[in-house]
Amino acid sequence: MRLRRILGLPLAAATLAGMSAIGAVSAGAASSPDISRDDCTAAGGQIVGRPYAGDYCTLPDGTTSPIT
């Protein structure tokens, strides 16, 4: 019983650390990359200015990306 308790805590900590690392990677992959003005217009997008946030490209599929 004591051995199970001793091994259980590091296993639980390792599981939580692995889940948080996977979450960080998937969140980074989900964010849209920056796009240039030329690439935006070539893809059929529209450049939209947002107050205090700069210019963004709105693509026909509804995604938005910051303009670099």
C-alpha atoms as a PDB file:
ATOM      1  CA  MET A   1       0.000   0.000   0.000  1.00  0.00           C
ATOM      2  CA  ARG A   2       2.784   2.416   0.891  1.00  0.00           C
ATOM      3  CA  LEU A   3       4.658   1.650  -2.341  1.00  0.00           C
ATOM      4  CA  ARG A   4       1.542   2.426  -4.382  1.00  0.00           C
ATOM      5  CA  ARG A   5       1.176   5.773  -2.616  1.00  0.00           C
ATOM      6  CA  ILE A   6       4.850   6.630  -3.153  1.00  0.00           C
ATOM      7  CA  LEU A   7       4.694   5.807  -6.873  1.00  0.00           C
ATOM      8  CA  GLY A   8       1.272   7.377  -7.421  1.00  0.00           C
ATOM      9  CA  LEU A   9       2.261  10.969  -6.706  1.00  0.00           C
ATOM     10  CA  PRO A  10       5.131  11.193  -9.249  1.00  0.00           C
ATOM     11  CA  LEU A  11       2.977   9.415 -11.826  1.00  0.00           C
ATOM     12  CA  ALA A  12       0.149  11.897 -11.328  1.00  0.00           C
ATOM     13  CA  ALA A  13       2.566  14.840 -11.548  1.00  0.00           C
ATOM     14  CA  ALA A  14       4.104  13.485 -14.756  1.00  0.00           C
ATOM     15  CA  THR A  15       0.657  12.993 -16.287  1.00  0.00           C
ATOM     16  CA  LEU A  16      -0.382  16.570 -15.504  1.00  0.00           C
ATOM     17  CA  ALA A  17       2.899  17.946 -16.858  1.00  0.00           C
ATOM     18  CA  GLY A  18       2.441  15.988 -20.080  1.00  0.00           C
ATOM     19  CA  MET A  19      -1.131  17.206 -20.509  1.00  0.00           C
ATOM     20  CA  SER A  20      -0.129  20.832 -20.017  1.00  0.00           C
ATOM     21  CA  ALA A  21       2.696  20.487 -22.556  1.00  0.00           C
ATOM     22  CA  ILE A  22       0.294  19.022 -25.116  1.00  0.00           C
ATOM     23  CA  GLY A  23      -2.153  21.850 -24.452  1.00  0.00           C
ATOM     24  CA  ALA A  24       0.530  24.476 -25.039  1.00  0.00           C
ATOM     25  CA  VAL A  25       1.585  22.892 -28.333  1.00  0.00           C
ATOM     26  CA  SER A  26      -1.972  22.611 -29.628  1.00  0.00           C
ATOM     27  CA  ALA A  27      -2.732  26.202 -28.622  1.00  0.00           C
ATOM     28  CA  GLY A  28       0.286  27.394 -30.564  1.00  0.00           C
ATOM     29  CA  ALA A  29      -0.772  25.424 -33.606  1.00  0.00           C
ATOM     30  CA  ALA A  30      -4.301  26.781 -33.465  1.00  0.00           C
ATOM     31  CA  SER A  31      -3.279  30.420 -33.571  1.00  0.00           C
ATOM     32  CA  SER A  32      -3.122  31.895 -37.050  1.00  0.00           C
ATOM     33  CA  PRO A  33       0.232  33.103 -38.370  1.00  0.00           C
ATOM     34  CA  ASP A  34       0.924  36.658 -39.486  1.00  0.00           C
ATOM     35  CA  ILE A  35       0.313  37.487 -43.130  1.00  0.00           C
ATOM     36  CA  SER A  36       1.524  40.300 -45.380  1.00  0.00           C
ATOM     37  CA  ARG A  37      -0.784  42.763 -47.154  1.00  0.00           C
ATOM     38  CA  ASP A  38       0.082  41.293 -50.549  1.00  0.00           C
ATOM     39  CA  ASP A  39      -0.591  37.730 -49.405  1.00  0.00           C
ATOM     40  CA  CYS A  40      -3.902  38.816 -47.880  1.00  0.00           C
ATOM     41  CA  THR A  41      -5.213  40.411 -51.058  1.00  0.00           C
ATOM     42  CA  ALA A  42      -3.859  37.540 -53.192  1.00  0.00           C
ATOM     43  CA  ALA A  43      -5.836  35.065 -51.067  1.00  0.00           C
ATOM     44  CA  GLY A  44      -9.022  37.092 -51.569  1.00  0.00           C
ATOM     45  CA  GLY A  45      -8.918  38.602 -48.104  1.00  0.00           C
ATOM     46  CA  GLN A  46      -9.888  42.042 -46.916  1.00  0.00           C
ATOM     47  CA  ILE A  47      -7.691  44.291 -44.758  1.00  0.00           C
ATOM     48  CA  VAL A  48      -9.530  45.577 -41.700  1.00  0.00           C
ATOM     49  CA  GLY A  49      -8.209  48.199 -39.269  1.00  0.00           C
ATOM     50  CA  ARG A  50      -9.015  47.650 -35.597  1.00  0.00           C
ATOM     51  CA  PRO A  51      -8.653  50.467 -33.069  1.00  0.00           C
ATOM     52  CA  TYR A  52      -5.632  49.935 -30.806  1.00  0.00           C
ATOM     53  CA  ALA A  53      -4.963  46.541 -32.435  1.00  0.00           C
ATOM     54  CA  GLY A  54      -3.551  47.431 -35.847  1.00  0.00           C
ATOM     55  CA  ASP A  55      -4.515  45.983 -39.206  1.00  0.00           C
ATOM     56  CA  TYR A  56      -5.858  42.481 -39.691  1.00  0.00           C
ATOM     57  CA  CYS A  57      -6.582  40.356 -42.731  1.00  0.00           C
ATOM     58  CA  THR A  58     -10.033  38.780 -42.866  1.00  0.00           C
ATOM     59  CA  LEU A  59     -10.026  35.813 -45.224  1.00  0.00           C
ATOM     60  CA  PRO A  60     -13.116  34.502 -47.057  1.00  0.00           C
ATOM     61  CA  ASP A  61     -13.327  31.459 -44.745  1.00  0.00           C
ATOM     62  CA  GLY A  62     -13.762  33.788 -41.736  1.00  0.00           C
ATOM     63  CA  THR A  63     -10.292  33.493 -40.199  1.00  0.00           C
ATOM     64  CA  THR A  64      -8.349  36.602 -39.239  1.00  0.00           C
ATOM     65  CA  SER A  65      -4.593  37.130 -39.138  1.00  0.00           C
ATOM     66  CA  PRO A  66      -2.522  40.121 -38.042  1.00  0.00           C
ATOM     67  CA  ILE A  67      -0.788  42.029 -40.849  1.00  0.00           C
ATOM     68  CA  THR A  68       3.005  42.123 -40.658  1.00  0.00           C
END
